[in-house]
N, C-alpha and C. Protein backbone atom coordinates (compact mmCIF):
# COMPACT_ATOMS: atom_id res chain seq x y z
N MET A 1 0.85 -1.18 0.00
CA MET A 1 0.00 0.00 0.00
C MET A 1 0.90 1.24 0.00
N GLU A 2 0.75 2.06 -1.02
CA GLU A 2 1.49 3.32 -1.07
C GLU A 2 0.79 4.34 -0.18
N MET A 3 1.61 5.17 0.48
CA MET A 3 1.04 6.17 1.39
C MET A 3 1.71 7.52 1.19
N ARG A 4 0.90 8.54 0.99
CA ARG A 4 1.42 9.91 0.93
C ARG A 4 1.73 10.41 2.33
N TYR A 5 0.93 9.95 3.30
CA TYR A 5 1.06 10.38 4.69
C TYR A 5 1.39 9.17 5.56
N THR A 6 2.38 9.30 6.42
CA THR A 6 2.70 8.24 7.35
C THR A 6 1.65 8.20 8.45
N ASN A 7 1.63 7.14 9.21
CA ASN A 7 0.71 7.07 10.34
C ASN A 7 1.00 8.18 11.35
N GLN A 8 2.28 8.52 11.51
CA GLN A 8 2.65 9.59 12.43
C GLN A 8 2.13 10.95 11.93
N GLN A 9 2.18 11.16 10.62
CA GLN A 9 1.66 12.41 10.07
C GLN A 9 0.14 12.49 10.24
N LEU A 10 -0.54 11.37 10.04
CA LEU A 10 -1.99 11.37 10.26
C LEU A 10 -2.30 11.69 11.71
N GLU A 11 -1.53 11.13 12.62
CA GLU A 11 -1.72 11.41 14.04
C GLU A 11 -1.52 12.89 14.34
N LYS A 12 -0.52 13.50 13.70
CA LYS A 12 -0.26 14.93 13.88
C LYS A 12 -1.46 15.76 13.42
N ILE A 13 -2.03 15.41 12.27
CA ILE A 13 -3.21 16.12 11.76
C ILE A 13 -4.37 15.95 12.72
N ILE A 14 -4.59 14.73 13.18
CA ILE A 14 -5.69 14.47 14.11
C ILE A 14 -5.51 15.27 15.39
N ASN A 15 -4.30 15.29 15.92
CA ASN A 15 -4.05 16.03 17.16
C ASN A 15 -4.20 17.53 16.97
N GLU A 16 -3.65 18.06 15.88
CA GLU A 16 -3.79 19.50 15.60
C GLU A 16 -5.27 19.87 15.48
N ALA A 17 -5.99 19.07 14.71
CA ALA A 17 -7.41 19.37 14.48
C ALA A 17 -8.21 19.25 15.76
N ALA A 18 -7.89 18.28 16.60
CA ALA A 18 -8.62 18.09 17.85
C ALA A 18 -8.38 19.25 18.80
N ILE A 19 -7.13 19.68 18.89
CA ILE A 19 -6.79 20.78 19.79
C ILE A 19 -7.50 22.06 19.38
N TYR A 20 -7.57 22.29 18.08
CA TYR A 20 -8.14 23.54 17.59
C TYR A 20 -9.55 23.40 17.05
N MET A 21 -10.20 22.29 17.34
CA MET A 21 -11.60 22.05 17.00
C MET A 21 -11.90 22.26 15.52
N CYS A 22 -11.08 21.67 14.67
CA CYS A 22 -11.29 21.72 13.22
C CYS A 22 -11.46 20.27 12.78
N ALA A 23 -12.67 19.79 12.79
CA ALA A 23 -12.93 18.36 12.70
C ALA A 23 -12.78 17.77 11.30
N CYS A 24 -12.92 18.53 10.26
CA CYS A 24 -12.96 17.94 8.92
C CYS A 24 -11.66 17.26 8.50
N PRO A 25 -10.49 17.92 8.58
CA PRO A 25 -9.26 17.20 8.24
C PRO A 25 -9.04 15.99 9.17
N CYS A 26 -9.43 16.14 10.41
CA CYS A 26 -9.31 15.04 11.37
C CYS A 26 -10.13 13.84 10.91
N GLN A 27 -11.35 14.08 10.46
CA GLN A 27 -12.21 12.98 10.02
C GLN A 27 -11.61 12.24 8.83
N VAL A 28 -11.02 12.97 7.91
CA VAL A 28 -10.40 12.34 6.75
C VAL A 28 -9.20 11.51 7.20
N ALA A 29 -8.38 12.05 8.09
CA ALA A 29 -7.21 11.32 8.59
C ALA A 29 -7.63 10.06 9.34
N VAL A 30 -8.69 10.15 10.13
CA VAL A 30 -9.19 8.97 10.85
C VAL A 30 -9.64 7.90 9.87
N GLN A 31 -10.33 8.30 8.82
CA GLN A 31 -10.80 7.32 7.84
C GLN A 31 -9.63 6.67 7.11
N LEU A 32 -8.57 7.42 6.87
CA LEU A 32 -7.38 6.83 6.26
C LEU A 32 -6.78 5.75 7.16
N ARG A 33 -6.75 6.03 8.46
CA ARG A 33 -6.24 5.00 9.38
C ARG A 33 -7.13 3.76 9.36
N HIS A 34 -8.44 3.95 9.30
CA HIS A 34 -9.37 2.82 9.23
C HIS A 34 -9.17 2.02 7.94
N LEU A 35 -8.96 2.72 6.83
CA LEU A 35 -8.72 2.02 5.57
C LEU A 35 -7.44 1.20 5.63
N ARG A 36 -6.42 1.74 6.27
CA ARG A 36 -5.17 0.99 6.42
C ARG A 36 -5.37 -0.26 7.26
N GLU A 37 -6.16 -0.14 8.31
CA GLU A 37 -6.47 -1.30 9.15
C GLU A 37 -7.26 -2.34 8.36
N LEU A 38 -8.23 -1.89 7.59
CA LEU A 38 -9.03 -2.80 6.78
C LEU A 38 -8.15 -3.52 5.76
N TYR A 39 -7.25 -2.80 5.13
CA TYR A 39 -6.36 -3.41 4.15
C TYR A 39 -5.47 -4.48 4.81
N ARG A 40 -4.89 -4.14 5.95
CA ARG A 40 -4.06 -5.12 6.67
C ARG A 40 -4.87 -6.36 7.02
N TYR A 41 -6.10 -6.16 7.48
CA TYR A 41 -6.97 -7.28 7.84
C TYR A 41 -7.23 -8.17 6.63
N GLN A 42 -7.51 -7.55 5.50
CA GLN A 42 -7.80 -8.32 4.29
C GLN A 42 -6.57 -9.09 3.80
N THR A 43 -5.40 -8.51 3.89
CA THR A 43 -4.20 -9.23 3.46
C THR A 43 -3.94 -10.41 4.39
N THR A 44 -4.26 -10.27 5.66
CA THR A 44 -4.14 -11.40 6.59
C THR A 44 -5.14 -12.49 6.24
N CYS A 45 -6.37 -12.09 5.93
CA CYS A 45 -7.40 -13.06 5.56
C CYS A 45 -7.00 -13.85 4.31
N GLN A 46 -6.29 -13.20 3.41
CA GLN A 46 -5.88 -13.87 2.17
C GLN A 46 -4.90 -15.01 2.43
N LEU A 47 -4.22 -14.98 3.56
CA LEU A 47 -3.24 -16.01 3.87
C LEU A 47 -3.87 -17.30 4.39
N ASP A 48 -5.13 -17.21 4.83
CA ASP A 48 -5.82 -18.39 5.38
C ASP A 48 -6.40 -19.21 4.23
N PRO A 49 -5.92 -20.45 4.04
CA PRO A 49 -6.41 -21.27 2.92
C PRO A 49 -7.90 -21.62 3.04
N GLY A 50 -8.48 -21.46 4.21
CA GLY A 50 -9.90 -21.75 4.39
C GLY A 50 -10.81 -20.62 3.94
N ASN A 51 -10.23 -19.47 3.65
CA ASN A 51 -11.01 -18.31 3.20
C ASN A 51 -11.11 -18.26 1.69
N ASP A 52 -12.15 -17.62 1.22
CA ASP A 52 -12.33 -17.41 -0.22
C ASP A 52 -11.41 -16.26 -0.64
N LEU A 53 -10.33 -16.57 -1.30
CA LEU A 53 -9.31 -15.60 -1.68
C LEU A 53 -9.90 -14.44 -2.49
N ALA A 54 -10.79 -14.75 -3.42
CA ALA A 54 -11.36 -13.72 -4.29
C ALA A 54 -12.12 -12.66 -3.49
N VAL A 55 -12.80 -13.07 -2.45
CA VAL A 55 -13.55 -12.12 -1.62
C VAL A 55 -12.59 -11.11 -0.99
N HIS A 56 -11.53 -11.61 -0.39
CA HIS A 56 -10.60 -10.73 0.32
C HIS A 56 -9.74 -9.90 -0.64
N GLN A 57 -9.46 -10.44 -1.81
CA GLN A 57 -8.75 -9.64 -2.83
C GLN A 57 -9.63 -8.50 -3.32
N THR A 58 -10.92 -8.77 -3.47
CA THR A 58 -11.86 -7.74 -3.93
C THR A 58 -11.95 -6.61 -2.91
N ILE A 59 -12.07 -6.98 -1.64
CA ILE A 59 -12.15 -5.96 -0.58
C ILE A 59 -10.85 -5.18 -0.50
N ALA A 60 -9.73 -5.86 -0.57
CA ALA A 60 -8.42 -5.20 -0.50
C ALA A 60 -8.24 -4.22 -1.67
N ALA A 61 -8.63 -4.63 -2.86
CA ALA A 61 -8.49 -3.76 -4.03
C ALA A 61 -9.36 -2.51 -3.90
N ALA A 62 -10.58 -2.68 -3.44
CA ALA A 62 -11.47 -1.52 -3.24
C ALA A 62 -10.91 -0.60 -2.15
N THR A 63 -10.34 -1.20 -1.13
CA THR A 63 -9.75 -0.42 -0.04
C THR A 63 -8.58 0.41 -0.55
N LEU A 64 -7.76 -0.17 -1.40
CA LEU A 64 -6.65 0.58 -1.99
C LEU A 64 -7.15 1.77 -2.80
N GLU A 65 -8.19 1.55 -3.59
CA GLU A 65 -8.76 2.65 -4.39
C GLU A 65 -9.30 3.75 -3.48
N ALA A 66 -10.02 3.37 -2.45
CA ALA A 66 -10.57 4.35 -1.52
C ALA A 66 -9.45 5.11 -0.81
N HIS A 67 -8.38 4.41 -0.47
CA HIS A 67 -7.25 5.04 0.21
C HIS A 67 -6.61 6.11 -0.67
N VAL A 68 -6.41 5.79 -1.93
CA VAL A 68 -5.82 6.76 -2.87
C VAL A 68 -6.71 8.01 -2.96
N LEU A 69 -8.01 7.81 -3.09
CA LEU A 69 -8.94 8.94 -3.18
C LEU A 69 -8.94 9.79 -1.91
N MET A 70 -8.93 9.14 -0.75
CA MET A 70 -8.98 9.88 0.50
C MET A 70 -7.66 10.60 0.80
N GLU A 71 -6.54 10.02 0.40
CA GLU A 71 -5.27 10.74 0.57
C GLU A 71 -5.24 11.98 -0.32
N ALA A 72 -5.74 11.85 -1.54
CA ALA A 72 -5.81 13.01 -2.44
C ALA A 72 -6.74 14.06 -1.85
N CYS A 73 -7.83 13.62 -1.28
CA CYS A 73 -8.78 14.53 -0.64
C CYS A 73 -8.11 15.27 0.51
N LEU A 74 -7.41 14.54 1.37
CA LEU A 74 -6.74 15.16 2.51
C LEU A 74 -5.72 16.19 2.04
N GLU A 75 -4.96 15.84 1.03
CA GLU A 75 -3.96 16.77 0.49
C GLU A 75 -4.63 18.06 0.01
N LYS A 76 -5.74 17.93 -0.70
CA LYS A 76 -6.46 19.11 -1.20
C LYS A 76 -7.02 19.95 -0.07
N VAL A 77 -7.64 19.29 0.91
CA VAL A 77 -8.25 20.01 2.03
C VAL A 77 -7.18 20.76 2.83
N LEU A 78 -6.07 20.09 3.11
CA LEU A 78 -5.00 20.76 3.85
C LEU A 78 -4.46 21.96 3.08
N ALA A 79 -4.32 21.82 1.77
CA ALA A 79 -3.85 22.94 0.95
C ALA A 79 -4.88 24.07 0.93
N MET A 80 -6.16 23.71 0.79
CA MET A 80 -7.21 24.73 0.76
C MET A 80 -7.28 25.51 2.06
N GLU A 81 -7.05 24.83 3.17
CA GLU A 81 -7.12 25.49 4.48
C GLU A 81 -5.81 26.16 4.86
N GLY A 82 -4.73 25.89 4.11
CA GLY A 82 -3.45 26.54 4.37
C GLY A 82 -2.57 25.87 5.41
N TRP A 83 -2.78 24.56 5.63
CA TRP A 83 -1.90 23.84 6.56
C TRP A 83 -0.49 23.79 5.99
N ASP A 84 0.51 23.79 6.87
CA ASP A 84 1.90 23.67 6.43
C ASP A 84 2.12 22.25 5.92
N PRO A 85 2.51 22.07 4.64
CA PRO A 85 2.64 20.73 4.08
C PRO A 85 3.82 19.93 4.65
N VAL A 86 4.78 20.61 5.26
CA VAL A 86 5.94 19.92 5.82
C VAL A 86 5.70 19.54 7.28
N THR A 87 5.30 20.51 8.09
CA THR A 87 5.11 20.26 9.52
C THR A 87 3.71 19.77 9.85
N LEU A 88 2.78 19.97 8.92
CA LEU A 88 1.36 19.66 9.12
C LEU A 88 0.77 20.43 10.29
N ALA A 89 1.28 21.62 10.49
CA ALA A 89 0.72 22.50 11.51
C ALA A 89 -0.48 23.23 10.92
N MET A 90 -1.50 23.35 11.74
CA MET A 90 -2.70 24.07 11.32
C MET A 90 -2.36 25.56 11.15
N PRO A 91 -2.94 26.20 10.15
CA PRO A 91 -2.66 27.63 9.95
C PRO A 91 -3.17 28.47 11.11
N GLU A 92 -2.45 29.54 11.34
CA GLU A 92 -2.77 30.44 12.45
C GLU A 92 -4.21 30.97 12.37
N GLY A 93 -4.69 31.22 11.16
CA GLY A 93 -6.05 31.74 11.00
C GLY A 93 -7.10 30.80 11.56
N LEU A 94 -6.94 29.51 11.39
CA LEU A 94 -7.88 28.54 11.95
C LEU A 94 -7.74 28.47 13.46
N ARG A 95 -6.52 28.65 13.95
CA ARG A 95 -6.32 28.67 15.40
C ARG A 95 -7.03 29.87 16.01
N ARG A 96 -6.91 31.01 15.36
CA ARG A 96 -7.57 32.21 15.87
C ARG A 96 -9.08 32.07 15.85
N LYS A 97 -9.59 31.44 14.79
CA LYS A 97 -11.03 31.21 14.67
C LYS A 97 -11.54 30.44 15.88
N ARG A 98 -10.82 29.42 16.28
CA ARG A 98 -11.20 28.62 17.44
C ARG A 98 -11.14 29.46 18.71
N ASP A 99 -10.06 30.25 18.86
CA ASP A 99 -9.94 31.09 20.04
C ASP A 99 -11.05 32.13 20.10
N ASP A 100 -11.43 32.68 18.95
CA ASP A 100 -12.53 33.65 18.90
C ASP A 100 -13.84 33.01 19.34
N LEU A 101 -14.09 31.79 18.90
CA LEU A 101 -15.31 31.08 19.29
C LEU A 101 -15.35 30.82 20.80
N LEU A 102 -14.20 30.49 21.36
CA LEU A 102 -14.13 30.23 22.80
C LEU A 102 -14.40 31.50 23.60
N GLU A 103 -13.90 32.63 23.08
CA GLU A 103 -14.12 33.90 23.75
C GLU A 103 -15.60 34.28 23.76
N LEU A 104 -16.32 33.94 22.70
CA LEU A 104 -17.75 34.23 22.62
C LEU A 104 -18.54 33.44 23.66
N ASP A 105 -18.06 32.25 23.98
CA ASP A 105 -18.73 31.40 24.96
C ASP A 105 -18.58 31.90 26.39
N GLU A 106 -17.57 32.72 26.61
CA GLU A 106 -17.30 33.20 27.99
C GLU A 106 -18.24 34.26 28.44
């Protein structure tokens, strides 16, 4: 499985988004982790001679396609929102937006 983002990078996005209450990039990153888990599960299932190989190959292939689409989606969303592509730090403007919302609640 090819990956544009490492598991550590996905974790960074999830943590940044959670801290600053920006759920959309976080949701995409979480789904990417789930797809990776599903793919690993399917490759394990393919090793069991008692399983129908075609079923697990079909699921694995679809998972790979979904993973490619969701990584491209995450890349676009992060670029649209202005996240730093190297550090994956959330842009200051989104941080301020969260702080402004918190101030309104006080």
